[in-house]
Amino acid sequence: MMVPVAIEPDEHQSRRALVLLALFVLGCAVVAAGAALGLGTVWQDVHEWVFARVAGDRAV
């Protein structure tokens, strides 16, 4: 039978710090993924624009 044990203040602060650290790391990962997707889309558009210009020059 498990008996509930009161969490000591130091342990509570340590657990809270770990939860905040985990949320911070998760937030950074979400922001990095969003930035990567956004930059990938921009790069694809720029690549298509440049390629159209270069291909147009060669066709003439």
PDB file of N, CA and C in Angstrom:
ATOM      1  N   MET A   1       0.832  -1.165   0.000  1.00  0.00           N
ATOM      2  CA  MET A   1       0.000   0.000   0.000  1.00  0.00           C
ATOM      3  C   MET A   1       0.894   1.252   0.000  1.00  0.00           C
ATOM      4  N   MET A   2       0.591   2.175  -0.934  1.00  0.00           N
ATOM      5  CA  MET A   2       1.404   3.372  -1.043  1.00  0.00           C
ATOM      6  C   MET A   2       0.842   4.469  -0.146  1.00  0.00           C
ATOM      7  N   VAL A   3       1.736   5.111   0.552  1.00  0.00           N
ATOM      8  CA  VAL A   3       1.343   6.195   1.448  1.00  0.00           C
ATOM      9  C   VAL A   3       1.799   7.505   0.820  1.00  0.00           C
ATOM     10  N   PRO A   4       0.885   8.466   0.634  1.00  0.00           N
ATOM     11  CA  PRO A   4       1.303   9.746   0.059  1.00  0.00           C
ATOM     12  C   PRO A   4       2.290  10.459   0.982  1.00  0.00           C
ATOM     13  N   VAL A   5       3.322  11.003   0.365  1.00  0.00           N
ATOM     14  CA  VAL A   5       4.347  11.705   1.127  1.00  0.00           C
ATOM     15  C   VAL A   5       4.327  13.167   0.702  1.00  0.00           C
ATOM     16  N   ALA A   6       4.375  14.047   1.669  1.00  0.00           N
ATOM     17  CA  ALA A   6       4.381  15.476   1.369  1.00  0.00           C
ATOM     18  C   ALA A   6       5.688  15.837   0.660  1.00  0.00           C
ATOM     19  N   ILE A   7       5.565  16.664  -0.363  1.00  0.00           N
ATOM     20  CA  ILE A   7       6.742  17.102  -1.108  1.00  0.00           C
ATOM     21  C   ILE A   7       7.401  18.235  -0.336  1.00  0.00           C
ATOM     22  N   GLU A   8       8.689  18.113  -0.143  1.00  0.00           N
ATOM     23  CA  GLU A   8       9.429  19.149   0.562  1.00  0.00           C
ATOM     24  C   GLU A   8       9.574  20.368  -0.345  1.00  0.00           C
ATOM     25  N   PRO A   9       9.726  21.540   0.227  1.00  0.00           N
ATOM     26  CA  PRO A   9       9.836  22.760  -0.597  1.00  0.00           C
ATOM     27  C   PRO A   9      10.970  22.695  -1.619  1.00  0.00           C
ATOM     28  N   ASP A  10      12.112  22.169  -1.252  1.00  0.00           N
ATOM     29  CA  ASP A  10      13.235  22.077  -2.196  1.00  0.00           C
ATOM     30  C   ASP A  10      12.905  21.156  -3.362  1.00  0.00           C
ATOM     31  N   GLU A  11      12.255  20.049  -3.065  1.00  0.00           N
ATOM     32  CA  GLU A  11      11.878  19.109  -4.113  1.00  0.00           C
ATOM     33  C   GLU A  11      10.824  19.726  -5.031  1.00  0.00           C
ATOM     34  N   HIS A  12       9.915  20.492  -4.466  1.00  0.00           N
ATOM     35  CA  HIS A  12       8.882  21.160  -5.260  1.00  0.00           C
ATOM     36  C   HIS A  12       9.507  22.180  -6.207  1.00  0.00           C
ATOM     37  N   GLN A  13      10.456  22.955  -5.719  1.00  0.00           N
ATOM     38  CA  GLN A  13      11.129  23.938  -6.565  1.00  0.00           C
ATOM     39  C   GLN A  13      11.934  23.256  -7.651  1.00  0.00           C
ATOM     40  N   SER A  14      12.567  22.155  -7.315  1.00  0.00           N
ATOM     41  CA  SER A  14      13.352  21.413  -8.297  1.00  0.00           C
ATOM     42  C   SER A  14      12.449  20.849  -9.397  1.00  0.00           C
ATOM     43  N   ARG A  15      11.322  20.309  -9.006  1.00  0.00           N
ATOM     44  CA  ARG A  15      10.376  19.761  -9.984  1.00  0.00           C
ATOM     45  C   ARG A  15       9.825  20.873 -10.870  1.00  0.00           C
ATOM     46  N   ARG A  16       9.505  22.032 -10.269  1.00  0.00           N
ATOM     47  CA  ARG A  16       8.991  23.164 -11.039  1.00  0.00           C
ATOM     48  C   ARG A  16      10.034  23.655 -12.032  1.00  0.00           C
ATOM     49  N   ALA A  17      11.295  23.704 -11.604  1.00  0.00           N
ATOM     50  CA  ALA A  17      12.372  24.136 -12.496  1.00  0.00           C
ATOM     51  C   ALA A  17      12.518  23.170 -13.669  1.00  0.00           C
ATOM     52  N   LEU A  18      12.405  21.880 -13.415  1.00  0.00           N
ATOM     53  CA  LEU A  18      12.510  20.894 -14.494  1.00  0.00           C
ATOM     54  C   LEU A  18      11.353  21.008 -15.473  1.00  0.00           C
ATOM     55  N   VAL A  19      10.159  21.260 -14.959  1.00  0.00           N
ATOM     56  CA  VAL A  19       8.989  21.421 -15.828  1.00  0.00           C
ATOM     57  C   VAL A  19       9.159  22.667 -16.696  1.00  0.00           C
ATOM     58  N   LEU A  20       9.616  23.769 -16.101  1.00  0.00           N
ATOM     59  CA  LEU A  20       9.833  24.990 -16.873  1.00  0.00           C
ATOM     60  C   LEU A  20      10.931  24.802 -17.918  1.00  0.00           C
ATOM     61  N   LEU A  21      11.978  24.080 -17.572  1.00  0.00           N
ATOM     62  CA  LEU A  21      13.044  23.795 -18.536  1.00  0.00           C
ATOM     63  C   LEU A  21      12.520  22.950 -19.694  1.00  0.00           C
ATOM     64  N   ALA A  22      11.708  21.951 -19.382  1.00  0.00           N
ATOM     65  CA  ALA A  22      11.139  21.104 -20.429  1.00  0.00           C
ATOM     66  C   ALA A  22      10.226  21.922 -21.350  1.00  0.00           C
ATOM     67  N   LEU A  23       9.420  22.819 -20.780  1.00  0.00           N
ATOM     68  CA  LEU A  23       8.550  23.665 -21.602  1.00  0.00           C
ATOM     69  C   LEU A  23       9.363  24.618 -22.467  1.00  0.00           C
ATOM     70  N   PHE A  24      10.451  25.144 -21.935  1.00  0.00           N
ATOM     71  CA  PHE A  24      11.318  26.033 -22.701  1.00  0.00           C
ATOM     72  C   PHE A  24      11.941  25.296 -23.883  1.00  0.00           C
ATOM     73  N   VAL A  25      12.452  24.099 -23.635  1.00  0.00           N
ATOM     74  CA  VAL A  25      13.074  23.309 -24.711  1.00  0.00           C
ATOM     75  C   VAL A  25      12.032  22.938 -25.763  1.00  0.00           C
ATOM     76  N   LEU A  26      10.851  22.558 -25.333  1.00  0.00           N
ATOM     77  CA  LEU A  26       9.777  22.229 -26.274  1.00  0.00           C
ATOM     78  C   LEU A  26       9.390  23.450 -27.097  1.00  0.00           C
ATOM     79  N   GLY A  27       9.290  24.605 -26.463  1.00  0.00           N
ATOM     80  CA  GLY A  27       8.975  25.838 -27.184  1.00  0.00           C
ATOM     81  C   GLY A  27      10.040  26.178 -28.210  1.00  0.00           C
ATOM     82  N   CYS A  28      11.299  26.015 -27.830  1.00  0.00           N
ATOM     83  CA  CYS A  28      12.398  26.276 -28.774  1.00  0.00           C
ATOM     84  C   CYS A  28      12.318  25.330 -29.967  1.00  0.00           C
ATOM     85  N   ALA A  29      11.983  24.085 -29.723  1.00  0.00           N
ATOM     86  CA  ALA A  29      11.874  23.115 -30.811  1.00  0.00           C
ATOM     87  C   ALA A  29      10.735  23.488 -31.763  1.00  0.00           C
ATOM     88  N   VAL A  30       9.627  23.940 -31.214  1.00  0.00           N
ATOM     89  CA  VAL A  30       8.491  24.343 -32.055  1.00  0.00           C
ATOM     90  C   VAL A  30       8.857  25.566 -32.893  1.00  0.00           C
ATOM     91  N   VAL A  31       9.513  26.535 -32.284  1.00  0.00           N
ATOM     92  CA  VAL A  31       9.926  27.738 -33.021  1.00  0.00           C
ATOM     93  C   VAL A  31      10.934  27.377 -34.107  1.00  0.00           C
ATOM     94  N   ALA A  32      11.882  26.494 -33.796  1.00  0.00           N
ATOM     95  CA  ALA A  32      12.885  26.086 -34.786  1.00  0.00           C
ATOM     96  C   ALA A  32      12.226  25.360 -35.956  1.00  0.00           C
ATOM     97  N   ALA A  33      11.269  24.502 -35.669  1.00  0.00           N
ATOM     98  CA  ALA A  33      10.578  23.782 -36.741  1.00  0.00           C
ATOM     99  C   ALA A  33       9.787  24.755 -37.620  1.00  0.00           C
ATOM    100  N   GLY A  34       9.121  25.700 -37.008  1.00  0.00           N
ATOM    101  CA  GLY A  34       8.376  26.695 -37.774  1.00  0.00           C
ATOM    102  C   GLY A  34       9.290  27.548 -38.637  1.00  0.00           C
ATOM    103  N   ALA A  35      10.430  27.943 -38.082  1.00  0.00           N
ATOM    104  CA  ALA A  35      11.390  28.737 -38.851  1.00  0.00           C
ATOM    105  C   ALA A  35      11.949  27.930 -40.017  1.00  0.00           C
ATOM    106  N   ALA A  36      12.236  26.668 -39.788  1.00  0.00           N
ATOM    107  CA  ALA A  36      12.770  25.821 -40.859  1.00  0.00           C
ATOM    108  C   ALA A  36      11.754  25.670 -41.994  1.00  0.00           C
ATOM    109  N   LEU A  37      10.495  25.474 -41.650  1.00  0.00           N
ATOM    110  CA  LEU A  37       9.463  25.345 -42.682  1.00  0.00           C
ATOM    111  C   LEU A  37       9.297  26.648 -43.447  1.00  0.00           C
ATOM    112  N   GLY A  38       9.292  27.762 -42.717  1.00  0.00           N
ATOM    113  CA  GLY A  38       9.142  29.061 -43.366  1.00  0.00           C
ATOM    114  C   GLY A  38      10.309  29.381 -44.280  1.00  0.00           C
ATOM    115  N   LEU A  39      11.522  29.162 -43.801  1.00  0.00           N
ATOM    116  CA  LEU A  39      12.700  29.435 -44.626  1.00  0.00           C
ATOM    117  C   LEU A  39      12.774  28.481 -45.816  1.00  0.00           C
ATOM    118  N   GLY A  40      12.347  27.247 -45.635  1.00  0.00           N
ATOM    119  CA  GLY A  40      12.326  26.293 -46.743  1.00  0.00           C
ATOM    120  C   GLY A  40      11.393  26.749 -47.850  1.00  0.00           C
ATOM    121  N   THR A  41      10.246  27.269 -47.455  1.00  0.00           N
ATOM    122  CA  THR A  41       9.290  27.769 -48.449  1.00  0.00           C
ATOM    123  C   THR A  41       9.844  28.990 -49.177  1.00  0.00           C
ATOM    124  N   VAL A  42      10.444  29.901 -48.441  1.00  0.00           N
ATOM    125  CA  VAL A  42      11.034  31.097 -49.054  1.00  0.00           C
ATOM    126  C   VAL A  42      12.155  30.691 -50.002  1.00  0.00           C
ATOM    127  N   TRP A  43      13.012  29.762 -49.562  1.00  0.00           N
ATOM    128  CA  TRP A  43      14.121  29.333 -50.406  1.00  0.00           C
ATOM    129  C   TRP A  43      13.602  28.692 -51.696  1.00  0.00           C
ATOM    130  N   GLN A  44      12.542  27.909 -51.604  1.00  0.00           N
ATOM    131  CA  GLN A  44      11.983  27.271 -52.791  1.00  0.00           C
ATOM    132  C   GLN A  44      11.473  28.328 -53.772  1.00  0.00           C
ATOM    133  N   ASP A  45      10.794  29.352 -53.264  1.00  0.00           N
ATOM    134  CA  ASP A  45      10.307  30.425 -54.135  1.00  0.00           C
ATOM    135  C   ASP A  45      11.460  31.184 -54.787  1.00  0.00           C
ATOM    136  N   VAL A  46      12.488  31.493 -54.012  1.00  0.00           N
ATOM    137  CA  VAL A  46      13.651  32.204 -54.554  1.00  0.00           C
ATOM    138  C   VAL A  46      14.346  31.345 -55.605  1.00  0.00           C
ATOM    139  N   HIS A  47      14.491  30.066 -55.339  1.00  0.00           N
ATOM    140  CA  HIS A  47      15.140  29.158 -56.283  1.00  0.00           C
ATOM    141  C   HIS A  47      14.372  29.111 -57.600  1.00  0.00           C
ATOM    142  N   GLU A  48      13.047  29.007 -57.524  1.00  0.00           N
ATOM    143  CA  GLU A  48      12.237  28.972 -58.742  1.00  0.00           C
ATOM    144  C   GLU A  48      12.367  30.279 -59.521  1.00  0.00           C
ATOM    145  N   TRP A  49      12.384  31.414 -58.811  1.00  0.00           N
ATOM    146  CA  TRP A  49      12.507  32.711 -59.470  1.00  0.00           C
ATOM    147  C   TRP A  49      13.855  32.836 -60.170  1.00  0.00           C
ATOM    148  N   VAL A  50      14.931  32.459 -59.481  1.00  0.00           N
ATOM    149  CA  VAL A  50      16.274  32.534 -60.066  1.00  0.00           C
ATOM    150  C   VAL A  50      16.394  31.571 -61.240  1.00  0.00           C
ATOM    151  N   PHE A  51      15.901  30.354 -61.080  1.00  0.00           N
ATOM    152  CA  PHE A  51      15.996  29.358 -62.147  1.00  0.00           C
ATOM    153  C   PHE A  51      15.235  29.822 -63.391  1.00  0.00           C
ATOM    154  N   ALA A  52      14.072  30.460 -63.199  1.00  0.00           N
ATOM    155  CA  ALA A  52      13.309  30.970 -64.342  1.00  0.00           C
ATOM    156  C   ALA A  52      14.096  32.054 -65.070  1.00  0.00           C
ATOM    157  N   ARG A  53      14.787  32.909 -64.324  1.00  0.00           N
ATOM    158  CA  ARG A  53      15.596  33.963 -64.943  1.00  0.00           C
ATOM    159  C   ARG A  53      16.759  33.374 -65.727  1.00  0.00           C
ATOM    160  N   VAL A  54      17.446  32.410 -65.134  1.00  0.00           N
ATOM    161  CA  VAL A  54      18.612  31.793 -65.805  1.00  0.00           C
ATOM    162  C   VAL A  54      18.165  31.004 -67.033  1.00  0.00           C
ATOM    163  N   ALA A  55      17.095  30.222 -66.891  1.00  0.00           N
ATOM    164  CA  ALA A  55      16.598  29.432 -68.028  1.00  0.00           C
ATOM    165  C   ALA A  55      16.103  30.364 -69.135  1.00  0.00           C
ATOM    166  N   GLY A  56      15.494  31.498 -68.768  1.00  0.00           N
ATOM    167  CA  GLY A  56      15.024  32.457 -69.761  1.00  0.00           C
ATOM    168  C   GLY A  56      16.176  33.078 -70.523  1.00  0.00           C
ATOM    169  N   ASP A  57      17.283  33.331 -69.863  1.00  0.00           N
ATOM    170  CA  ASP A  57      18.464  33.891 -70.528  1.00  0.00           C
ATOM    171  C   ASP A  57      19.066  32.913 -71.527  1.00  0.00           C
ATOM    172  N   ARG A  58      19.053  31.637 -71.208  1.00  0.00           N
ATOM    173  CA  ARG A  58      19.646  30.631 -72.091  1.00  0.00           C
ATOM    174  C   ARG A  58      18.750  30.366 -73.318  1.00  0.00           C
ATOM    175  N   ALA A  59      17.427  30.564 -73.141  1.00  0.00           N
ATOM    176  CA  ALA A  59      16.514  30.294 -74.237  1.00  0.00           C
ATOM    177  C   ALA A  59      16.621  31.350 -75.335  1.00  0.00           C
ATOM    178  N   VAL A  60      17.099  32.511 -74.991  1.00  0.00           N
ATOM    179  CA  VAL A  60      17.167  33.607 -75.963  1.00  0.00           C
ATOM    180  C   VAL A  60      18.332  33.474 -76.859  1.00  0.00           C
TER     181      VAL A  60
END
